[in-house]
Amino acid sequence: MKRFWFILRKYLFNKYWLTLAVFAVVMVFVGEQSYRVRLRKARQISELESQRDMYERAIEQTRHDLQVLQSTDSLERFAREQYLMHTDKEDLYLVDE
């Protein structure tokens, strides 16, 4: 049993193994390129990509609305629906569902 501990201590506390262990700890837990930082940045990238997709859909909807609003009739309809505008001779009633 004594020989086992001697061999284990000999290889476990070898300068190369210790260097490798310290390097592994530094790469996983410490620094700008650590595994934790990479995971956090990957999560941020995923969130930003989802936001980008949302904004691209909003831009497409706005472009579609802009094309629809090219005519006067549709512009008047849009103003009535979105901004609750009305002419002087009309009364506006809001029905809440």
PDB file of N, CA and C in Angstrom:
ATOM      1  N   MET A   1       0.823  -1.189   0.000  1.00  0.00           N
ATOM      2  CA  MET A   1       0.000   0.000   0.000  1.00  0.00           C
ATOM      3  C   MET A   1       0.868   1.253   0.000  1.00  0.00           C
ATOM      4  N   LYS A   2       1.979   1.168   0.694  1.00  0.00           N
ATOM      5  CA  LYS A   2       2.877   2.298   0.742  1.00  0.00           C
ATOM      6  C   LYS A   2       3.439   2.592  -0.638  1.00  0.00           C
ATOM      7  N   ARG A   3       3.720   1.530  -1.370  1.00  0.00           N
ATOM      8  CA  ARG A   3       4.255   1.690  -2.719  1.00  0.00           C
ATOM      9  C   ARG A   3       3.222   2.356  -3.635  1.00  0.00           C
ATOM     10  N   PHE A   4       1.952   1.986  -3.466  1.00  0.00           N
ATOM     11  CA  PHE A   4       0.889   2.589  -4.266  1.00  0.00           C
ATOM     12  C   PHE A   4       0.842   4.096  -4.055  1.00  0.00           C
ATOM     13  N   TRP A   5       0.884   4.552  -2.793  1.00  0.00           N
ATOM     14  CA  TRP A   5       0.853   5.984  -2.512  1.00  0.00           C
ATOM     15  C   TRP A   5       2.090   6.689  -3.030  1.00  0.00           C
ATOM     16  N   PHE A   6       3.209   6.003  -2.977  1.00  0.00           N
ATOM     17  CA  PHE A   6       4.444   6.584  -3.500  1.00  0.00           C
ATOM     18  C   PHE A   6       4.346   6.794  -5.006  1.00  0.00           C
ATOM     19  N   ILE A   7       3.846   5.799  -5.716  1.00  0.00           N
ATOM     20  CA  ILE A   7       3.694   5.900  -7.183  1.00  0.00           C
ATOM     21  C   ILE A   7       2.644   6.954  -7.521  1.00  0.00           C
ATOM     22  N   LEU A   8       1.547   6.946  -6.776  1.00  0.00           N
ATOM     23  CA  LEU A   8       0.506   7.927  -7.024  1.00  0.00           C
ATOM     24  C   LEU A   8       1.024   9.346  -6.790  1.00  0.00           C
ATOM     25  N   ARG A   9       1.727   9.555  -5.705  1.00  0.00           N
ATOM     26  CA  ARG A   9       2.278  10.869  -5.413  1.00  0.00           C
ATOM     27  C   ARG A   9       3.322  11.263  -6.456  1.00  0.00           C
ATOM     28  N   LYS A  10       4.082  10.295  -6.890  1.00  0.00           N
ATOM     29  CA  LYS A  10       5.125  10.563  -7.878  1.00  0.00           C
ATOM     30  C   LYS A  10       4.519  11.076  -9.184  1.00  0.00           C
ATOM     31  N   TYR A  11       3.457  10.442  -9.649  1.00  0.00           N
ATOM     32  CA  TYR A  11       2.854  10.845 -10.922  1.00  0.00           C
ATOM     33  C   TYR A  11       1.859  11.999 -10.758  1.00  0.00           C
ATOM     34  N   LEU A  12       1.178  12.030  -9.620  1.00  0.00           N
ATOM     35  CA  LEU A  12       0.180  13.057  -9.414  1.00  0.00           C
ATOM     36  C   LEU A  12       0.809  14.431  -9.215  1.00  0.00           C
ATOM     37  N   PHE A  13       1.889  14.490  -8.536  1.00  0.00           N
ATOM     38  CA  PHE A  13       2.559  15.757  -8.280  1.00  0.00           C
ATOM     39  C   PHE A  13       3.712  16.002  -9.232  1.00  0.00           C
ATOM     40  N   ASN A  14       3.675  15.373 -10.356  1.00  0.00           N
ATOM     41  CA  ASN A  14       4.648  15.602 -11.408  1.00  0.00           C
ATOM     42  C   ASN A  14       4.442  17.013 -11.948  1.00  0.00           C
ATOM     43  N   LYS A  15       5.495  17.709 -12.288  1.00  0.00           N
ATOM     44  CA  LYS A  15       5.374  19.099 -12.732  1.00  0.00           C
ATOM     45  C   LYS A  15       4.572  19.223 -14.025  1.00  0.00           C
ATOM     46  N   TYR A  16       4.607  18.220 -14.854  1.00  0.00           N
ATOM     47  CA  TYR A  16       3.840  18.275 -16.096  1.00  0.00           C
ATOM     48  C   TYR A  16       2.339  18.126 -15.835  1.00  0.00           C
ATOM     49  N   TRP A  17       1.993  17.212 -14.933  1.00  0.00           N
ATOM     50  CA  TRP A  17       0.585  17.032 -14.586  1.00  0.00           C
ATOM     51  C   TRP A  17       0.045  18.258 -13.871  1.00  0.00           C
ATOM     52  N   LEU A  18       0.836  18.817 -12.973  1.00  0.00           N
ATOM     53  CA  LEU A  18       0.412  20.027 -12.277  1.00  0.00           C
ATOM     54  C   LEU A  18       0.225  21.183 -13.252  1.00  0.00           C
ATOM     55  N   THR A  19       1.137  21.311 -14.197  1.00  0.00           N
ATOM     56  CA  THR A  19       1.010  22.361 -15.208  1.00  0.00           C
ATOM     57  C   THR A  19      -0.249  22.152 -16.040  1.00  0.00           C
ATOM     58  N   LEU A  20      -0.500  20.919 -16.412  1.00  0.00           N
ATOM     59  CA  LEU A  20      -1.698  20.607 -17.187  1.00  0.00           C
ATOM     60  C   LEU A  20      -2.968  20.909 -16.384  1.00  0.00           C
ATOM     61  N   ALA A  21      -2.968  20.569 -15.100  1.00  0.00           N
ATOM     62  CA  ALA A  21      -4.139  20.822 -14.255  1.00  0.00           C
ATOM     63  C   ALA A  21      -4.377  22.321 -14.095  1.00  0.00           C
ATOM     64  N   VAL A  22      -3.313  23.079 -13.858  1.00  0.00           N
ATOM     65  CA  VAL A  22      -3.462  24.534 -13.726  1.00  0.00           C
ATOM     66  C   VAL A  22      -3.950  25.134 -15.043  1.00  0.00           C
ATOM     67  N   PHE A  23      -3.425  24.680 -16.152  1.00  0.00           N
ATOM     68  CA  PHE A  23      -3.855  25.161 -17.466  1.00  0.00           C
ATOM     69  C   PHE A  23      -5.340  24.863 -17.688  1.00  0.00           C
ATOM     70  N   ALA A  24      -5.759  23.659 -17.312  1.00  0.00           N
ATOM     71  CA  ALA A  24      -7.170  23.288 -17.493  1.00  0.00           C
ATOM     72  C   ALA A  24      -8.073  24.166 -16.628  1.00  0.00           C
ATOM     73  N   VAL A  25      -7.676  24.424 -15.397  1.00  0.00           N
ATOM     74  CA  VAL A  25      -8.485  25.265 -14.516  1.00  0.00           C
ATOM     75  C   VAL A  25      -8.567  26.678 -15.069  1.00  0.00           C
ATOM     76  N   VAL A  26      -7.455  27.195 -15.546  1.00  0.00           N
ATOM     77  CA  VAL A  26      -7.444  28.552 -16.096  1.00  0.00           C
ATOM     78  C   VAL A  26      -8.328  28.626 -17.340  1.00  0.00           C
ATOM     79  N   MET A  27      -8.262  27.647 -18.187  1.00  0.00           N
ATOM     80  CA  MET A  27      -9.056  27.669 -19.418  1.00  0.00           C
ATOM     81  C   MET A  27     -10.552  27.545 -19.132  1.00  0.00           C
ATOM     82  N   VAL A  28     -10.917  26.815 -18.087  1.00  0.00           N
ATOM     83  CA  VAL A  28     -12.329  26.600 -17.812  1.00  0.00           C
ATOM     84  C   VAL A  28     -12.928  27.738 -16.989  1.00  0.00           C
ATOM     85  N   PHE A  29     -12.198  28.267 -16.015  1.00  0.00           N
ATOM     86  CA  PHE A  29     -12.801  29.192 -15.062  1.00  0.00           C
ATOM     87  C   PHE A  29     -12.295  30.624 -15.128  1.00  0.00           C
ATOM     88  N   VAL A  30     -11.129  30.880 -15.664  1.00  0.00           N
ATOM     89  CA  VAL A  30     -10.511  32.200 -15.555  1.00  0.00           C
ATOM     90  C   VAL A  30     -10.273  32.769 -16.946  1.00  0.00           C
ATOM     91  N   GLY A  31     -10.411  34.083 -17.068  1.00  0.00           N
ATOM     92  CA  GLY A  31     -10.018  34.762 -18.288  1.00  0.00           C
ATOM     93  C   GLY A  31     -11.168  35.061 -19.227  1.00  0.00           C
ATOM     94  N   GLU A  32     -10.838  35.798 -20.273  1.00  0.00           N
ATOM     95  CA  GLU A  32     -11.819  36.237 -21.262  1.00  0.00           C
ATOM     96  C   GLU A  32     -12.276  35.092 -22.168  1.00  0.00           C
ATOM     97  N   GLN A  33     -11.452  34.098 -22.344  1.00  0.00           N
ATOM     98  CA  GLN A  33     -11.794  32.984 -23.230  1.00  0.00           C
ATOM     99  C   GLN A  33     -12.210  31.738 -22.456  1.00  0.00           C
ATOM    100  N   SER A  34     -12.638  31.886 -21.219  1.00  0.00           N
ATOM    101  CA  SER A  34     -13.016  30.734 -20.407  1.00  0.00           C
ATOM    102  C   SER A  34     -14.324  30.135 -20.915  1.00  0.00           C
ATOM    103  N   TYR A  35     -14.578  28.934 -20.473  1.00  0.00           N
ATOM    104  CA  TYR A  35     -15.770  28.214 -20.902  1.00  0.00           C
ATOM    105  C   TYR A  35     -17.033  28.930 -20.443  1.00  0.00           C
ATOM    106  N   ARG A  36     -17.022  29.470 -19.205  1.00  0.00           N
ATOM    107  CA  ARG A  36     -18.184  30.194 -18.695  1.00  0.00           C
ATOM    108  C   ARG A  36     -18.483  31.429 -19.544  1.00  0.00           C
ATOM    109  N   VAL A  37     -17.438  32.159 -19.898  1.00  0.00           N
ATOM    110  CA  VAL A  37     -17.623  33.369 -20.699  1.00  0.00           C
ATOM    111  C   VAL A  37     -18.137  32.997 -22.084  1.00  0.00           C
ATOM    112  N   ARG A  38     -17.613  31.937 -22.633  1.00  0.00           N
ATOM    113  CA  ARG A  38     -18.085  31.494 -23.954  1.00  0.00           C
ATOM    114  C   ARG A  38     -19.554  31.100 -23.927  1.00  0.00           C
ATOM    115  N   LEU A  39     -19.977  30.413 -22.870  1.00  0.00           N
ATOM    116  CA  LEU A  39     -21.393  30.050 -22.759  1.00  0.00           C
ATOM    117  C   LEU A  39     -22.271  31.291 -22.621  1.00  0.00           C
ATOM    118  N   ARG A  40     -21.825  32.250 -21.813  1.00  0.00           N
ATOM    119  CA  ARG A  40     -22.590  33.486 -21.638  1.00  0.00           C
ATOM    120  C   ARG A  40     -22.693  34.241 -22.954  1.00  0.00           C
ATOM    121  N   LYS A  41     -21.596  34.306 -23.691  1.00  0.00           N
ATOM    122  CA  LYS A  41     -21.620  35.013 -24.973  1.00  0.00           C
ATOM    123  C   LYS A  41     -22.467  34.282 -25.999  1.00  0.00           C
ATOM    124  N   ALA A  42     -22.449  32.971 -25.979  1.00  0.00           N
ATOM    125  CA  ALA A  42     -23.302  32.210 -26.898  1.00  0.00           C
ATOM    126  C   ALA A  42     -24.772  32.468 -26.594  1.00  0.00           C
ATOM    127  N   ARG A  43     -25.116  32.569 -25.302  1.00  0.00           N
ATOM    128  CA  ARG A  43     -26.495  32.871 -24.917  1.00  0.00           C
ATOM    129  C   ARG A  43     -26.884  34.281 -25.371  1.00  0.00           C
ATOM    130  N   GLN A  44     -25.960  35.234 -25.230  1.00  0.00           N
ATOM    131  CA  GLN A  44     -26.225  36.601 -25.680  1.00  0.00           C
ATOM    132  C   GLN A  44     -26.416  36.644 -27.189  1.00  0.00           C
ATOM    133  N   ILE A  45     -25.596  35.894 -27.919  1.00  0.00           N
ATOM    134  CA  ILE A  45     -25.729  35.848 -29.376  1.00  0.00           C
ATOM    135  C   ILE A  45     -27.091  35.298 -29.761  1.00  0.00           C
ATOM    136  N   SER A  46     -27.527  34.264 -29.065  1.00  0.00           N
ATOM    137  CA  SER A  46     -28.838  33.680 -29.355  1.00  0.00           C
ATOM    138  C   SER A  46     -29.955  34.696 -29.111  1.00  0.00           C
ATOM    139  N   GLU A  47     -29.874  35.421 -27.995  1.00  0.00           N
ATOM    140  CA  GLU A  47     -30.885  36.436 -27.702  1.00  0.00           C
ATOM    141  C   GLU A  47     -30.866  37.557 -28.732  1.00  0.00           C
ATOM    142  N   LEU A  48     -29.676  37.986 -29.122  1.00  0.00           N
ATOM    143  CA  LEU A  48     -29.575  39.059 -30.114  1.00  0.00           C
ATOM    144  C   LEU A  48     -30.097  38.615 -31.474  1.00  0.00           C
ATOM    145  N   GLU A  49     -29.856  37.357 -31.831  1.00  0.00           N
ATOM    146  CA  GLU A  49     -30.383  36.860 -33.107  1.00  0.00           C
ATOM    147  C   GLU A  49     -31.904  36.805 -33.080  1.00  0.00           C
ATOM    148  N   SER A  50     -32.487  36.427 -31.949  1.00  0.00           N
ATOM    149  CA  SER A  50     -33.948  36.413 -31.867  1.00  0.00           C
ATOM    150  C   SER A  50     -34.504  37.835 -31.941  1.00  0.00           C
ATOM    151  N   GLN A  51     -33.813  38.794 -31.315  1.00  0.00           N
ATOM    152  CA  GLN A  51     -34.237  40.189 -31.427  1.00  0.00           C
ATOM    153  C   GLN A  51     -34.116  40.679 -32.863  1.00  0.00           C
ATOM    154  N   ARG A  52     -33.042  40.284 -33.543  1.00  0.00           N
ATOM    155  CA  ARG A  52     -32.859  40.679 -34.938  1.00  0.00           C
ATOM    156  C   ARG A  52     -34.006  40.157 -35.792  1.00  0.00           C
ATOM    157  N   ASP A  53     -34.385  38.901 -35.567  1.00  0.00           N
ATOM    158  CA  ASP A  53     -35.503  38.334 -36.322  1.00  0.00           C
ATOM    159  C   ASP A  53     -36.795  39.088 -36.047  1.00  0.00           C
ATOM    160  N   MET A  54     -37.005  39.459 -34.780  1.00  0.00           N
ATOM    161  CA  MET A  54     -38.208  40.214 -34.435  1.00  0.00           C
ATOM    162  C   MET A  54     -38.222  41.564 -35.149  1.00  0.00           C
ATOM    163  N   TYR A  55     -37.085  42.244 -35.140  1.00  0.00           N
ATOM    164  CA  TYR A  55     -37.017  43.554 -35.807  1.00  0.00           C
ATOM    165  C   TYR A  55     -37.147  43.424 -37.319  1.00  0.00           C
ATOM    166  N   GLU A  56     -36.613  42.348 -37.899  1.00  0.00           N
ATOM    167  CA  GLU A  56     -36.781  42.145 -39.343  1.00  0.00           C
ATOM    168  C   GLU A  56     -38.248  41.936 -39.691  1.00  0.00           C
ATOM    169  N   ARG A  57     -38.963  41.188 -38.846  1.00  0.00           N
ATOM    170  CA  ARG A  57     -40.405  41.018 -39.088  1.00  0.00           C
ATOM    171  C   ARG A  57     -41.139  42.346 -38.956  1.00  0.00           C
ATOM    172  N   ALA A  58     -40.742  43.161 -37.974  1.00  0.00           N
ATOM    173  CA  ALA A  58     -41.377  44.471 -37.800  1.00  0.00           C
ATOM    174  C   ALA A  58     -41.091  45.371 -39.005  1.00  0.00           C
ATOM    175  N   ILE A  59     -39.891  45.303 -39.536  1.00  0.00           N
ATOM    176  CA  ILE A  59     -39.543  46.097 -40.719  1.00  0.00           C
ATOM    177  C   ILE A  59     -40.371  45.650 -41.912  1.00  0.00           C
ATOM    178  N   GLU A  60     -40.525  44.349 -42.087  1.00  0.00           N
ATOM    179  CA  GLU A  60     -41.339  43.847 -43.201  1.00  0.00           C
ATOM    180  C   GLU A  60     -42.792  44.288 -43.051  1.00  0.00           C
ATOM    181  N   GLN A  61     -43.311  44.253 -41.824  1.00  0.00           N
ATOM    182  CA  GLN A  61     -44.685  44.713 -41.600  1.00  0.00           C
ATOM    183  C   GLN A  61     -44.804  46.202 -41.910  1.00  0.00           C
ATOM    184  N   THR A  62     -43.824  46.990 -41.522  1.00  0.00           N
ATOM    185  CA  THR A  62     -43.844  48.420 -41.787  1.00  0.00           C
ATOM    186  C   THR A  62     -43.753  48.694 -43.284  1.00  0.00           C
ATOM    187  N   ARG A  63     -42.930  47.938 -43.983  1.00  0.00           N
ATOM    188  CA  ARG A  63     -42.854  48.095 -45.446  1.00  0.00           C
ATOM    189  C   ARG A  63     -44.183  47.760 -46.102  1.00  0.00           C
ATOM    190  N   HIS A  64     -44.823  46.718 -45.611  1.00  0.00           N
ATOM    191  CA  HIS A  64     -46.131  46.349 -46.154  1.00  0.00           C
ATOM    192  C   HIS A  64     -47.146  47.459 -45.886  1.00  0.00           C
ATOM    193  N   ASP A  65     -47.135  47.984 -44.662  1.00  0.00           N
ATOM    194  CA  ASP A  65     -48.047  49.092 -44.339  1.00  0.00           C
ATOM    195  C   ASP A  65     -47.765  50.311 -45.208  1.00  0.00           C
ATOM    196  N   LEU A  66     -46.516  50.580 -45.465  1.00  0.00           N
ATOM    197  CA  LEU A  66     -46.147  51.718 -46.306  1.00  0.00           C
ATOM    198  C   LEU A  66     -46.664  51.540 -47.731  1.00  0.00           C
ATOM    199  N   GLN A  67     -46.577  50.337 -48.260  1.00  0.00           N
ATOM    200  CA  GLN A  67     -47.099  50.086 -49.602  1.00  0.00           C
ATOM    201  C   GLN A  67     -48.610  50.244 -49.630  1.00  0.00           C
ATOM    202  N   VAL A  68     -49.265  49.788 -48.574  1.00  0.00           N
ATOM    203  CA  VAL A  68     -50.728  49.905 -48.506  1.00  0.00           C
ATOM    204  C   VAL A  68     -51.142  51.368 -48.402  1.00  0.00           C
ATOM    205  N   LEU A  69     -50.359  52.175 -47.733  1.00  0.00           N
ATOM    206  CA  LEU A  69     -50.728  53.568 -47.486  1.00  0.00           C
ATOM    207  C   LEU A  69     -50.442  54.499 -48.659  1.00  0.00           C
ATOM    208  N   GLN A  70     -50.062  53.978 -49.784  1.00  0.00           N
ATOM    209  CA  GLN A  70     -49.763  54.820 -50.935  1.00  0.00           C
ATOM    210  C   GLN A  70     -51.019  55.478 -51.498  1.00  0.00           C
ATOM    211  N   SER A  71     -52.175  54.854 -51.332  1.00  0.00           N
ATOM    212  CA  SER A  71     -53.406  55.465 -51.837  1.00  0.00           C
ATOM    213  C   SER A  71     -54.087  56.264 -50.723  1.00  0.00           C
ATOM    214  N   THR A  72     -54.875  57.257 -51.115  1.00  0.00           N
ATOM    215  CA  THR A  72     -55.532  58.152 -50.156  1.00  0.00           C
ATOM    216  C   THR A  72     -56.584  57.415 -49.337  1.00  0.00           C
ATOM    217  N   ASP A  73     -57.332  56.531 -49.977  1.00  0.00           N
ATOM    218  CA  ASP A  73     -58.379  55.799 -49.266  1.00  0.00           C
ATOM    219  C   ASP A  73     -57.791  54.928 -48.155  1.00  0.00           C
ATOM    220  N   SER A  74     -56.752  54.237 -48.476  1.00  0.00           N
ATOM    221  CA  SER A  74     -56.149  53.374 -47.456  1.00  0.00           C
ATOM    222  C   SER A  74     -55.467  54.200 -46.365  1.00  0.00           C
ATOM    223  N   LEU A  75     -54.954  55.364 -46.722  1.00  0.00           N
ATOM    224  CA  LEU A  75     -54.341  56.242 -45.731  1.00  0.00           C
ATOM    225  C   LEU A  75     -55.400  56.723 -44.733  1.00  0.00           C
ATOM    226  N   GLU A  76     -56.576  57.085 -45.258  1.00  0.00           N
ATOM    227  CA  GLU A  76     -57.661  57.521 -44.387  1.00  0.00           C
ATOM    228  C   GLU A  76     -58.136  56.373 -43.497  1.00  0.00           C
ATOM    229  N   ARG A  77     -58.246  55.192 -44.054  1.00  0.00           N
ATOM    230  CA  ARG A  77     -58.669  54.025 -43.279  1.00  0.00           C
ATOM    231  C   ARG A  77     -57.656  53.726 -42.178  1.00  0.00           C
ATOM    232  N   PHE A  78     -56.373  53.784 -42.508  1.00  0.00           N
ATOM    233  CA  PHE A  78     -55.318  53.538 -41.528  1.00  0.00           C
ATOM    234  C   PHE A  78     -55.388  54.548 -40.375  1.00  0.00           C
ATOM    235  N   ALA A  79     -55.593  55.821 -40.706  1.00  0.00           N
ATOM    236  CA  ALA A  79     -55.676  56.847 -39.673  1.00  0.00           C
ATOM    237  C   ALA A  79     -56.884  56.613 -38.776  1.00  0.00           C
ATOM    238  N   ARG A  80     -57.981  56.192 -39.350  1.00  0.00           N
ATOM    239  CA  ARG A  80     -59.178  55.936 -38.556  1.00  0.00           C
ATOM    240  C   ARG A  80     -58.965  54.730 -37.625  1.00  0.00           C
ATOM    241  N   GLU A  81     -58.344  53.678 -38.125  1.00  0.00           N
ATOM    242  CA  GLU A  81     -58.183  52.460 -37.327  1.00  0.00           C
ATOM    243  C   GLU A  81     -57.082  52.585 -36.280  1.00  0.00           C
ATOM    244  N   GLN A  82     -55.969  53.146 -36.665  1.00  0.00           N
ATOM    245  CA  GLN A  82     -54.815  53.165 -35.770  1.00  0.00           C
ATOM    246  C   GLN A  82     -54.834  54.342 -34.798  1.00  0.00           C
ATOM    247  N   TYR A  83     -55.241  55.501 -35.263  1.00  0.00           N
ATOM    248  CA  TYR A  83     -55.148  56.705 -34.443  1.00  0.00           C
ATOM    249  C   TYR A  83     -56.506  57.266 -34.030  1.00  0.00           C
ATOM    250  N   LEU A  84     -57.567  56.519 -34.332  1.00  0.00           N
ATOM    251  CA  LEU A  84     -58.930  56.888 -33.943  1.00  0.00           C
ATOM    252  C   LEU A  84     -59.305  58.287 -34.420  1.00  0.00           C
ATOM    253  N   MET A  85     -58.899  58.622 -35.594  1.00  0.00           N
ATOM    254  CA  MET A  85     -59.213  59.933 -36.165  1.00  0.00           C
ATOM    255  C   MET A  85     -60.590  59.887 -36.813  1.00  0.00           C
ATOM    256  N   HIS A  86     -61.225  61.032 -36.875  1.00  0.00           N
ATOM    257  CA  HIS A  86     -62.535  61.130 -37.509  1.00  0.00           C
ATOM    258  C   HIS A  86     -62.704  62.543 -38.045  1.00  0.00           C
ATOM    259  N   THR A  87     -63.681  62.703 -38.912  1.00  0.00           N
ATOM    260  CA  THR A  87     -63.959  64.028 -39.459  1.00  0.00           C
ATOM    261  C   THR A  87     -64.825  64.813 -38.479  1.00  0.00           C
ATOM    262  N   ASP A  88     -65.008  66.094 -38.772  1.00  0.00           N
ATOM    263  CA  ASP A  88     -65.778  66.954 -37.861  1.00  0.00           C
ATOM    264  C   ASP A  88     -67.249  66.558 -37.789  1.00  0.00           C
ATOM    265  N   LYS A  89     -67.784  65.986 -38.838  1.00  0.00           N
ATOM    266  CA  LYS A  89     -69.193  65.669 -38.885  1.00  0.00           C
ATOM    267  C   LYS A  89     -69.492  64.280 -38.299  1.00  0.00           C
ATOM    268  N   GLU A  90     -68.477  63.571 -37.847  1.00  0.00           N
ATOM    269  CA  GLU A  90     -68.685  62.192 -37.357  1.00  0.00           C
ATOM    270  C   GLU A  90     -68.517  62.144 -35.837  1.00  0.00           C
ATOM    271  N   ASP A  91     -69.194  61.188 -35.263  1.00  0.00           N
ATOM    272  CA  ASP A  91     -69.002  60.881 -33.848  1.00  0.00           C
ATOM    273  C   ASP A  91     -68.245  59.538 -33.791  1.00  0.00           C
ATOM    274  N   LEU A  92     -67.387  59.441 -32.823  1.00  0.00           N
ATOM    275  CA  LEU A  92     -66.562  58.236 -32.683  1.00  0.00           C
ATOM    276  C   LEU A  92     -66.970  57.491 -31.430  1.00  0.00           C
ATOM    277  N   TYR A  93     -67.327  56.230 -31.598  1.00  0.00           N
ATOM    278  CA  TYR A  93     -67.708  55.384 -30.481  1.00  0.00           C
ATOM    279  C   TYR A  93     -66.725  54.218 -30.416  1.00  0.00           C
ATOM    280  N   LEU A  94     -66.142  53.994 -29.240  1.00  0.00           N
ATOM    281  CA  LEU A  94     -65.224  52.883 -29.054  1.00  0.00           C
ATOM    282  C   LEU A  94     -65.954  51.751 -28.364  1.00  0.00           C
ATOM    283  N   VAL A  95     -65.847  50.571 -28.929  1.00  0.00           N
ATOM    284  CA  VAL A  95     -66.481  49.384 -28.346  1.00  0.00           C
ATOM    285  C   VAL A  95     -65.354  48.487 -27.863  1.00  0.00           C
ATOM    286  N   ASP A  96     -65.347  48.265 -26.561  1.00  0.00           N
ATOM    287  CA  ASP A  96     -64.301  47.427 -25.971  1.00  0.00           C
ATOM    288  C   ASP A  96     -64.841  46.012 -25.824  1.00  0.00           C
ATOM    289  N   GLU A  97     -64.120  45.061 -26.343  1.00  0.00           N
ATOM    290  CA  GLU A  97     -64.591  43.655 -26.289  1.00  0.00           C
ATOM    291  C   GLU A  97     -64.067  42.957 -25.080  1.00  0.00           C
TER     292      GLU A  97
END
